[in-house]
Amino acid sequence: MTKENRILSGLQTGKTPDELAEELGMRKQTITAMVELLIHQGLVKEIDCSSACKSCIMGKSCAGTGAGREKLYIVEDEIEE
């Protein structure tokens, strides 16, 4: 599995860039840059979690897992391995 696919898989499970960096043995800045590229490619959507959960499109399904986060990432397409 490529690093890009491992990042996508991690984002699907709700992992943060910090968690992915530690898990993959990479710098957070590298993960953040790769996530930004995935967003640009339309594979990932970024949700701003700094506002109240009730106004978030993921508010009901998040069930508080996004609480305290600044951002949440949603994978848009299926991952090809």
N, C-alpha and C. Protein backbone atom coordinates (compact mmCIF):
# COMPACT_ATOMS: atom_id res chain seq x y z
N MET A 1 0.84 -1.17 0.00
CA MET A 1 0.00 0.00 0.00
C MET A 1 0.89 1.24 0.00
N THR A 2 0.59 2.19 -0.87
CA THR A 2 1.40 3.41 -0.95
C THR A 2 1.16 4.29 0.28
N LYS A 3 2.07 5.22 0.51
CA LYS A 3 1.89 6.14 1.64
C LYS A 3 0.63 6.96 1.47
N GLU A 4 0.34 7.36 0.24
CA GLU A 4 -0.89 8.11 -0.03
C GLU A 4 -2.11 7.30 0.39
N ASN A 5 -2.15 6.02 0.04
CA ASN A 5 -3.27 5.17 0.41
C ASN A 5 -3.33 4.92 1.91
N ARG A 6 -2.16 4.84 2.55
CA ARG A 6 -2.14 4.67 4.01
C ARG A 6 -2.68 5.91 4.70
N ILE A 7 -2.38 7.08 4.14
CA ILE A 7 -2.92 8.33 4.69
C ILE A 7 -4.44 8.37 4.49
N LEU A 8 -4.90 8.02 3.30
CA LEU A 8 -6.34 7.99 3.03
C LEU A 8 -7.05 7.02 3.98
N SER A 9 -6.47 5.85 4.17
CA SER A 9 -7.06 4.86 5.09
C SER A 9 -7.13 5.41 6.50
N GLY A 10 -6.05 6.06 6.93
CA GLY A 10 -6.04 6.64 8.27
C GLY A 10 -7.07 7.73 8.43
N LEU A 11 -7.20 8.58 7.42
CA LEU A 11 -8.20 9.65 7.48
C LEU A 11 -9.61 9.08 7.53
N GLN A 12 -9.84 7.97 6.82
CA GLN A 12 -11.16 7.33 6.84
C GLN A 12 -11.53 6.86 8.25
N THR A 13 -10.54 6.49 9.03
CA THR A 13 -10.81 6.01 10.39
C THR A 13 -10.79 7.14 11.40
N GLY A 14 -10.63 8.39 10.92
CA GLY A 14 -10.68 9.54 11.81
C GLY A 14 -9.37 9.95 12.45
N LYS A 15 -8.26 9.42 11.95
CA LYS A 15 -6.97 9.78 12.52
C LYS A 15 -6.59 11.20 12.13
N THR A 16 -5.86 11.84 13.02
CA THR A 16 -5.38 13.20 12.78
C THR A 16 -4.03 13.14 12.07
N PRO A 17 -3.59 14.26 11.48
CA PRO A 17 -2.26 14.29 10.89
C PRO A 17 -1.16 13.95 11.91
N ASP A 18 -1.33 14.37 13.17
CA ASP A 18 -0.36 14.02 14.21
C ASP A 18 -0.29 12.51 14.40
N GLU A 19 -1.46 11.87 14.47
CA GLU A 19 -1.50 10.41 14.66
C GLU A 19 -0.91 9.69 13.46
N LEU A 20 -1.22 10.18 12.26
CA LEU A 20 -0.67 9.56 11.05
C LEU A 20 0.84 9.72 10.98
N ALA A 21 1.34 10.89 11.35
CA ALA A 21 2.79 11.12 11.33
C ALA A 21 3.51 10.13 12.24
N GLU A 22 2.96 9.94 13.43
CA GLU A 22 3.58 9.01 14.37
C GLU A 22 3.49 7.58 13.85
N GLU A 23 2.33 7.19 13.35
CA GLU A 23 2.11 5.83 12.86
C GLU A 23 2.97 5.50 11.65
N LEU A 24 3.14 6.48 10.76
CA LEU A 24 3.88 6.23 9.52
C LEU A 24 5.36 6.61 9.61
N GLY A 25 5.77 7.17 10.76
CA GLY A 25 7.17 7.56 10.92
C GLY A 25 7.56 8.72 10.03
N MET A 26 6.62 9.66 9.85
CA MET A 26 6.85 10.81 9.00
C MET A 26 6.66 12.09 9.82
N ARG A 27 7.17 13.21 9.29
CA ARG A 27 6.97 14.49 9.96
C ARG A 27 5.54 14.97 9.73
N LYS A 28 4.98 15.67 10.73
CA LYS A 28 3.62 16.19 10.60
C LYS A 28 3.50 17.11 9.39
N GLN A 29 4.54 17.91 9.14
CA GLN A 29 4.51 18.83 8.00
C GLN A 29 4.38 18.08 6.68
N THR A 30 5.01 16.92 6.58
CA THR A 30 4.93 16.11 5.37
C THR A 30 3.52 15.56 5.20
N ILE A 31 2.95 15.05 6.30
CA ILE A 31 1.58 14.54 6.26
C ILE A 31 0.62 15.65 5.87
N THR A 32 0.78 16.81 6.49
CA THR A 32 -0.10 17.95 6.19
C THR A 32 -0.01 18.33 4.72
N ALA A 33 1.19 18.35 4.16
CA ALA A 33 1.37 18.68 2.74
C ALA A 33 0.70 17.62 1.86
N MET A 34 0.83 16.35 2.24
CA MET A 34 0.21 15.29 1.46
C MET A 34 -1.32 15.37 1.54
N VAL A 35 -1.84 15.70 2.72
CA VAL A 35 -3.29 15.86 2.88
C VAL A 35 -3.78 17.03 2.02
N GLU A 36 -3.03 18.13 2.01
CA GLU A 36 -3.40 19.28 1.17
C GLU A 36 -3.43 18.88 -0.30
N LEU A 37 -2.49 18.06 -0.73
CA LEU A 37 -2.48 17.57 -2.11
C LEU A 37 -3.71 16.70 -2.39
N LEU A 38 -4.05 15.84 -1.44
CA LEU A 38 -5.24 14.99 -1.59
C LEU A 38 -6.51 15.83 -1.67
N ILE A 39 -6.55 16.93 -0.90
CA ILE A 39 -7.69 17.85 -0.97
C ILE A 39 -7.75 18.48 -2.35
N HIS A 40 -6.60 18.95 -2.83
CA HIS A 40 -6.51 19.57 -4.15
C HIS A 40 -6.94 18.60 -5.26
N GLN A 41 -6.63 17.31 -5.09
CA GLN A 41 -6.98 16.29 -6.07
C GLN A 41 -8.45 15.88 -5.97
N GLY A 42 -9.15 16.38 -4.95
CA GLY A 42 -10.56 16.06 -4.78
C GLY A 42 -10.82 14.73 -4.09
N LEU A 43 -9.78 14.13 -3.51
CA LEU A 43 -9.93 12.84 -2.83
C LEU A 43 -10.35 12.99 -1.38
N VAL A 44 -10.10 14.16 -0.80
CA VAL A 44 -10.38 14.41 0.61
C VAL A 44 -11.08 15.76 0.74
N LYS A 45 -12.03 15.82 1.66
CA LYS A 45 -12.71 17.07 1.96
C LYS A 45 -12.37 17.45 3.40
N GLU A 46 -12.08 18.73 3.60
CA GLU A 46 -11.72 19.23 4.93
C GLU A 46 -12.95 19.88 5.56
N ILE A 47 -13.24 19.52 6.81
CA ILE A 47 -14.35 20.09 7.56
C ILE A 47 -13.76 20.89 8.72
N ASP A 48 -14.21 22.12 8.89
CA ASP A 48 -13.74 22.97 9.98
C ASP A 48 -14.51 22.60 11.25
N CYS A 49 -13.80 22.10 12.25
CA CYS A 49 -14.43 21.67 13.51
C CYS A 49 -14.32 22.73 14.61
N SER A 50 -13.91 23.93 14.26
CA SER A 50 -13.76 24.95 15.30
C SER A 50 -15.09 25.55 15.70
N SER A 51 -16.13 25.32 14.90
CA SER A 51 -17.45 25.82 15.26
C SER A 51 -18.23 24.74 16.01
N ALA A 52 -19.41 25.07 16.43
CA ALA A 52 -20.23 24.12 17.19
C ALA A 52 -20.58 22.90 16.34
N CYS A 53 -20.59 21.74 16.98
CA CYS A 53 -20.88 20.48 16.27
C CYS A 53 -22.27 20.50 15.63
N LYS A 54 -23.22 21.17 16.27
CA LYS A 54 -24.59 21.14 15.74
C LYS A 54 -24.70 21.82 14.38
N SER A 55 -23.76 22.70 14.03
CA SER A 55 -23.79 23.35 12.72
C SER A 55 -22.94 22.63 11.68
N CYS A 56 -22.25 21.58 12.09
CA CYS A 56 -21.36 20.82 11.21
C CYS A 56 -22.16 19.78 10.43
N ILE A 57 -21.80 19.57 9.15
CA ILE A 57 -22.50 18.56 8.35
C ILE A 57 -22.26 17.15 8.88
N MET A 58 -21.21 16.97 9.67
CA MET A 58 -20.91 15.65 10.25
C MET A 58 -21.37 15.55 11.70
N GLY A 59 -22.04 16.57 12.20
CA GLY A 59 -22.42 16.65 13.61
C GLY A 59 -23.09 15.41 14.17
N LYS A 60 -24.03 14.84 13.43
CA LYS A 60 -24.76 13.68 13.95
C LYS A 60 -23.95 12.39 13.87
N SER A 61 -23.20 12.20 12.79
CA SER A 61 -22.45 10.96 12.63
C SER A 61 -21.11 10.98 13.37
N CYS A 62 -20.60 12.18 13.65
CA CYS A 62 -19.32 12.32 14.34
C CYS A 62 -19.43 11.85 15.79
N ALA A 63 -20.57 12.09 16.40
CA ALA A 63 -20.85 11.69 17.78
C ALA A 63 -19.77 12.16 18.75
N GLY A 64 -19.28 13.35 18.50
CA GLY A 64 -18.31 13.93 19.44
C GLY A 64 -16.87 13.54 19.17
N THR A 65 -16.59 12.67 18.20
CA THR A 65 -15.20 12.29 17.95
C THR A 65 -14.41 13.46 17.40
N GLY A 66 -15.08 14.42 16.82
CA GLY A 66 -14.41 15.60 16.30
C GLY A 66 -14.25 16.69 17.35
N ALA A 67 -14.82 16.48 18.51
CA ALA A 67 -14.77 17.49 19.56
C ALA A 67 -13.33 17.80 19.94
N GLY A 68 -13.04 19.08 20.00
CA GLY A 68 -11.69 19.50 20.36
C GLY A 68 -10.73 19.53 19.19
N ARG A 69 -11.17 19.10 18.04
CA ARG A 69 -10.33 19.13 16.84
C ARG A 69 -10.55 20.43 16.11
N GLU A 70 -9.55 20.85 15.38
CA GLU A 70 -9.71 22.01 14.53
C GLU A 70 -10.28 21.61 13.17
N LYS A 71 -9.90 20.42 12.70
CA LYS A 71 -10.33 19.97 11.38
C LYS A 71 -10.63 18.48 11.40
N LEU A 72 -11.52 18.10 10.51
CA LEU A 72 -11.86 16.70 10.31
C LEU A 72 -11.75 16.47 8.81
N TYR A 73 -11.24 15.33 8.40
CA TYR A 73 -11.07 15.04 6.98
C TYR A 73 -11.96 13.88 6.58
N ILE A 74 -12.62 14.03 5.43
CA ILE A 74 -13.51 13.00 4.92
C ILE A 74 -12.96 12.56 3.58
N VAL A 75 -12.77 11.25 3.40
CA VAL A 75 -12.29 10.71 2.13
C VAL A 75 -13.47 10.62 1.17
N GLU A 76 -13.32 11.22 0.00
CA GLU A 76 -14.40 11.34 -0.98
C GLU A 76 -14.58 10.10 -1.86
N ASP A 77 -13.49 9.47 -2.26
CA ASP A 77 -13.55 8.36 -3.22
C ASP A 77 -13.05 7.07 -2.60
N GLU A 78 -13.34 5.97 -3.27
CA GLU A 78 -12.81 4.67 -2.86
C GLU A 78 -11.30 4.67 -3.00
N ILE A 79 -10.62 3.95 -2.13
CA ILE A 79 -9.17 3.84 -2.19
C ILE A 79 -8.80 2.65 -3.07
N GLU A 80 -7.91 2.90 -4.03
CA GLU A 80 -7.38 1.80 -4.85
C GLU A 80 -6.09 1.33 -4.25
N GLU A 81 -5.96 0.02 -4.08
CA GLU A 81 -4.70 -0.51 -3.50
C GLU A 81 -3.78 -1.00 -4.56
